[in-house]
Amino acid sequence: MPEEKIGTIIHVWPKAGAAQIELDHGILQVGDRLRIKGHGHEFVQDVLSLEVEHRSRSEGFPGEHIAVAMDQPVRERDEVFIIRRPKISLLTDE
């Protein structure tokens, strides 16, 4: 599945298990799958919720700082990639 770098982690709240992502480009939505890459670690997780300026939202846009719960520990300057899933059509030709 193709990946696209969408941002960088700029702040971490370790006790809360969350991180703030500076979104460089692309739209990040609840339900998207992310790959987090840092020095010595890499993992994939789904976005279950996100906040912008302490308000729950369903999506974030370029230029925004987005808080996301993290499944594993992360560090500032880790890179954030979105994994694009192929679109599946539910329509069948008969």
N, C-alpha and C. Protein backbone atom coordinates (compact mmCIF):
# COMPACT_ATOMS: atom_id res chain seq x y z
N MET A 1 0.84 -1.18 0.00
CA MET A 1 0.00 0.00 0.00
C MET A 1 0.88 1.24 0.00
N PRO A 2 0.55 2.22 -0.80
CA PRO A 2 1.38 3.43 -0.87
C PRO A 2 1.30 4.26 0.41
N GLU A 3 2.42 4.88 0.74
CA GLU A 3 2.51 5.76 1.91
C GLU A 3 2.90 7.15 1.46
N GLU A 4 2.49 8.14 2.28
CA GLU A 4 2.83 9.53 2.00
C GLU A 4 3.16 10.20 3.32
N LYS A 5 4.30 10.88 3.39
CA LYS A 5 4.64 11.61 4.61
C LYS A 5 3.69 12.79 4.74
N ILE A 6 3.05 12.89 5.91
CA ILE A 6 2.10 13.98 6.11
C ILE A 6 2.52 14.93 7.22
N GLY A 7 3.50 14.52 8.05
CA GLY A 7 3.87 15.41 9.13
C GLY A 7 4.96 14.86 10.02
N THR A 8 5.16 15.59 11.12
CA THR A 8 6.21 15.29 12.09
C THR A 8 5.64 15.46 13.50
N ILE A 9 6.09 14.62 14.41
CA ILE A 9 5.67 14.77 15.80
C ILE A 9 6.46 15.91 16.41
N ILE A 10 5.74 16.88 16.99
CA ILE A 10 6.40 18.06 17.55
C ILE A 10 6.30 18.14 19.06
N HIS A 11 5.41 17.33 19.66
CA HIS A 11 5.30 17.32 21.12
C HIS A 11 4.72 15.97 21.55
N VAL A 12 5.17 15.52 22.72
CA VAL A 12 4.71 14.22 23.23
C VAL A 12 4.21 14.40 24.66
N TRP A 13 3.09 13.77 24.97
CA TRP A 13 2.57 13.69 26.33
C TRP A 13 2.67 12.22 26.74
N PRO A 14 3.82 11.80 27.31
CA PRO A 14 4.02 10.37 27.58
C PRO A 14 3.01 9.77 28.55
N LYS A 15 2.65 10.49 29.59
CA LYS A 15 1.69 9.95 30.58
C LYS A 15 0.31 9.75 29.95
N ALA A 16 -0.06 10.62 29.04
CA ALA A 16 -1.36 10.51 28.37
C ALA A 16 -1.32 9.56 27.18
N GLY A 17 -0.11 9.17 26.75
CA GLY A 17 0.01 8.31 25.58
C GLY A 17 -0.44 8.99 24.31
N ALA A 18 -0.10 10.29 24.19
CA ALA A 18 -0.54 11.06 23.02
C ALA A 18 0.62 11.89 22.47
N ALA A 19 0.46 12.33 21.25
CA ALA A 19 1.47 13.16 20.60
C ALA A 19 0.79 14.19 19.71
N GLN A 20 1.50 15.29 19.51
CA GLN A 20 1.00 16.35 18.63
C GLN A 20 1.76 16.26 17.31
N ILE A 21 1.00 16.20 16.23
CA ILE A 21 1.55 16.10 14.89
C ILE A 21 1.38 17.44 14.19
N GLU A 22 2.47 17.95 13.63
CA GLU A 22 2.38 19.13 12.77
C GLU A 22 2.10 18.60 11.37
N LEU A 23 0.89 18.84 10.89
CA LEU A 23 0.45 18.31 9.60
C LEU A 23 0.96 19.22 8.48
N ASP A 24 1.89 18.69 7.69
CA ASP A 24 2.49 19.47 6.60
C ASP A 24 1.59 19.53 5.37
N HIS A 25 1.04 18.40 5.00
CA HIS A 25 0.12 18.36 3.86
C HIS A 25 -0.75 17.12 3.95
N GLY A 26 -1.84 17.13 3.23
CA GLY A 26 -2.78 16.02 3.29
C GLY A 26 -3.78 16.23 4.41
N ILE A 27 -4.86 15.52 4.34
CA ILE A 27 -5.90 15.58 5.36
C ILE A 27 -5.81 14.30 6.19
N LEU A 28 -5.85 14.44 7.51
CA LEU A 28 -5.82 13.30 8.41
C LEU A 28 -7.21 13.14 9.00
N GLN A 29 -7.77 11.93 8.89
CA GLN A 29 -9.13 11.68 9.37
C GLN A 29 -9.13 10.52 10.37
N VAL A 30 -10.14 10.54 11.25
CA VAL A 30 -10.35 9.40 12.14
C VAL A 30 -10.58 8.18 11.25
N GLY A 31 -9.92 7.08 11.57
CA GLY A 31 -10.01 5.87 10.77
C GLY A 31 -8.82 5.65 9.85
N ASP A 32 -8.02 6.71 9.61
CA ASP A 32 -6.82 6.57 8.77
C ASP A 32 -5.80 5.70 9.48
N ARG A 33 -4.94 5.07 8.70
CA ARG A 33 -3.85 4.25 9.24
C ARG A 33 -2.54 5.01 9.07
N LEU A 34 -1.76 5.07 10.17
CA LEU A 34 -0.49 5.79 10.17
C LEU A 34 0.69 4.84 10.38
N ARG A 35 1.83 5.22 9.81
CA ARG A 35 3.10 4.58 10.13
C ARG A 35 3.95 5.66 10.80
N ILE A 36 4.44 5.37 12.00
CA ILE A 36 5.30 6.28 12.74
C ILE A 36 6.72 5.73 12.64
N LYS A 37 7.65 6.56 12.14
CA LYS A 37 9.04 6.14 11.98
C LYS A 37 9.95 7.08 12.77
N GLY A 38 10.75 6.47 13.63
CA GLY A 38 11.71 7.24 14.40
C GLY A 38 13.02 6.49 14.51
N HIS A 39 13.98 7.06 15.20
CA HIS A 39 15.28 6.43 15.37
C HIS A 39 15.12 5.18 16.23
N GLY A 40 15.25 4.02 15.61
CA GLY A 40 15.19 2.76 16.34
C GLY A 40 13.80 2.20 16.57
N HIS A 41 12.78 2.83 16.05
CA HIS A 41 11.43 2.28 16.20
C HIS A 41 10.56 2.66 15.01
N GLU A 42 9.57 1.80 14.78
CA GLU A 42 8.62 2.01 13.70
C GLU A 42 7.40 1.14 14.00
N PHE A 43 6.20 1.70 13.83
CA PHE A 43 4.99 0.93 14.04
C PHE A 43 3.85 1.52 13.25
N VAL A 44 2.79 0.73 13.12
CA VAL A 44 1.58 1.13 12.39
C VAL A 44 0.43 1.17 13.38
N GLN A 45 -0.43 2.17 13.23
CA GLN A 45 -1.61 2.26 14.09
C GLN A 45 -2.72 2.99 13.36
N ASP A 46 -3.94 2.76 13.82
CA ASP A 46 -5.11 3.47 13.29
C ASP A 46 -5.38 4.70 14.14
N VAL A 47 -5.91 5.73 13.52
CA VAL A 47 -6.31 6.95 14.24
C VAL A 47 -7.72 6.72 14.76
N LEU A 48 -7.85 6.60 16.09
CA LEU A 48 -9.15 6.34 16.69
C LEU A 48 -9.86 7.63 17.07
N SER A 49 -9.08 8.68 17.34
CA SER A 49 -9.65 10.00 17.65
C SER A 49 -8.56 11.02 17.44
N LEU A 50 -8.97 12.27 17.25
CA LEU A 50 -7.99 13.35 17.13
C LEU A 50 -8.59 14.63 17.66
N GLU A 51 -7.69 15.53 18.07
CA GLU A 51 -8.11 16.83 18.58
C GLU A 51 -7.29 17.93 17.93
N VAL A 52 -7.93 19.06 17.73
CA VAL A 52 -7.26 20.26 17.26
C VAL A 52 -7.65 21.36 18.24
N GLU A 53 -6.64 21.97 18.87
CA GLU A 53 -6.86 23.01 19.87
C GLU A 53 -7.84 22.56 20.96
N HIS A 54 -7.63 21.36 21.49
CA HIS A 54 -8.42 20.79 22.58
C HIS A 54 -9.87 20.50 22.22
N ARG A 55 -10.17 20.47 20.93
CA ARG A 55 -11.53 20.15 20.49
C ARG A 55 -11.50 18.88 19.64
N SER A 56 -12.37 17.95 19.97
CA SER A 56 -12.47 16.72 19.20
C SER A 56 -12.99 17.03 17.80
N ARG A 57 -12.32 16.44 16.81
CA ARG A 57 -12.73 16.63 15.41
C ARG A 57 -12.62 15.31 14.67
N SER A 58 -13.19 15.25 13.50
CA SER A 58 -13.10 14.04 12.70
C SER A 58 -11.98 14.12 11.67
N GLU A 59 -11.43 15.34 11.46
CA GLU A 59 -10.33 15.48 10.50
C GLU A 59 -9.48 16.71 10.81
N GLY A 60 -8.24 16.66 10.34
CA GLY A 60 -7.32 17.78 10.49
C GLY A 60 -6.76 18.16 9.12
N PHE A 61 -6.36 19.41 8.99
CA PHE A 61 -5.93 19.93 7.69
C PHE A 61 -4.50 20.46 7.75
N PRO A 62 -3.84 20.60 6.60
CA PRO A 62 -2.46 21.09 6.57
C PRO A 62 -2.31 22.40 7.33
N GLY A 63 -1.21 22.49 8.07
CA GLY A 63 -0.93 23.68 8.86
C GLY A 63 -1.42 23.58 10.29
N GLU A 64 -2.26 22.59 10.58
CA GLU A 64 -2.78 22.42 11.93
C GLU A 64 -1.87 21.52 12.76
N HIS A 65 -1.95 21.70 14.08
CA HIS A 65 -1.28 20.82 15.02
C HIS A 65 -2.35 19.91 15.61
N ILE A 66 -2.19 18.60 15.38
CA ILE A 66 -3.23 17.63 15.70
C ILE A 66 -2.75 16.69 16.80
N ALA A 67 -3.52 16.55 17.85
CA ALA A 67 -3.20 15.62 18.93
C ALA A 67 -3.87 14.28 18.64
N VAL A 68 -3.05 13.21 18.74
CA VAL A 68 -3.53 11.86 18.46
C VAL A 68 -3.03 10.92 19.56
N ALA A 69 -3.88 10.02 20.01
CA ALA A 69 -3.46 8.99 20.97
C ALA A 69 -2.51 8.03 20.24
N MET A 70 -1.42 7.65 20.91
CA MET A 70 -0.41 6.77 20.33
C MET A 70 -0.46 5.40 21.00
N ASP A 71 -0.34 4.35 20.20
CA ASP A 71 -0.34 2.98 20.71
C ASP A 71 0.97 2.62 21.39
N GLN A 72 2.06 3.28 20.97
CA GLN A 72 3.40 2.98 21.48
C GLN A 72 4.12 4.29 21.76
N PRO A 73 5.21 4.25 22.53
CA PRO A 73 5.96 5.48 22.79
C PRO A 73 6.54 6.06 21.50
N VAL A 74 6.53 7.38 21.41
CA VAL A 74 7.09 8.11 20.27
C VAL A 74 7.98 9.22 20.79
N ARG A 75 8.72 9.84 19.87
CA ARG A 75 9.61 10.95 20.24
C ARG A 75 9.36 12.13 19.31
N GLU A 76 9.71 13.31 19.80
CA GLU A 76 9.66 14.48 18.94
C GLU A 76 10.58 14.25 17.75
N ARG A 77 10.19 14.75 16.61
CA ARG A 77 10.87 14.63 15.33
C ARG A 77 10.64 13.29 14.62
N ASP A 78 9.85 12.38 15.22
CA ASP A 78 9.47 11.17 14.49
C ASP A 78 8.64 11.59 13.28
N GLU A 79 8.78 10.85 12.19
CA GLU A 79 8.05 11.15 10.97
C GLU A 79 6.72 10.39 10.96
N VAL A 80 5.70 11.02 10.41
CA VAL A 80 4.35 10.44 10.36
C VAL A 80 3.94 10.27 8.90
N PHE A 81 3.59 9.04 8.55
CA PHE A 81 3.17 8.71 7.19
C PHE A 81 1.74 8.20 7.24
N ILE A 82 0.96 8.53 6.22
CA ILE A 82 -0.38 7.97 6.09
C ILE A 82 -0.29 6.81 5.10
N ILE A 83 -0.96 5.72 5.44
CA ILE A 83 -0.99 4.55 4.56
C ILE A 83 -2.30 4.60 3.80
N ARG A 84 -2.20 4.75 2.52
CA ARG A 84 -3.40 4.83 1.68
C ARG A 84 -3.90 3.43 1.39
N ARG A 85 -5.11 3.17 1.78
CA ARG A 85 -5.72 1.86 1.53
C ARG A 85 -6.39 1.88 0.16
N PRO A 86 -6.31 0.78 -0.57
CA PRO A 86 -7.00 0.75 -1.86
C PRO A 86 -8.50 0.83 -1.65
N LYS A 87 -9.15 1.53 -2.54
CA LYS A 87 -10.61 1.65 -2.46
C LYS A 87 -11.24 0.38 -2.99
N ILE A 88 -12.21 -0.11 -2.25
CA ILE A 88 -12.89 -1.34 -2.63
C ILE A 88 -14.32 -0.98 -3.05
N SER A 89 -14.69 -1.43 -4.20
CA SER A 89 -16.03 -1.18 -4.68
C SER A 89 -16.95 -2.31 -4.22
N LEU A 90 -18.09 -1.94 -3.70
CA LEU A 90 -19.07 -2.93 -3.28
C LEU A 90 -20.02 -3.29 -4.42
N LEU A 91 -19.89 -2.57 -5.50
CA LEU A 91 -20.73 -2.87 -6.67
C LEU A 91 -20.09 -3.95 -7.49
N THR A 92 -20.86 -4.87 -8.00
CA THR A 92 -20.33 -5.93 -8.85
C THR A 92 -21.02 -5.87 -10.21
N ASP A 93 -20.26 -6.21 -11.22
CA ASP A 93 -20.84 -6.26 -12.56
C ASP A 93 -21.43 -7.66 -12.77
N GLU A 94 -22.63 -7.71 -13.26
CA GLU A 94 -23.26 -9.00 -13.51
C GLU A 94 -23.65 -9.13 -14.94
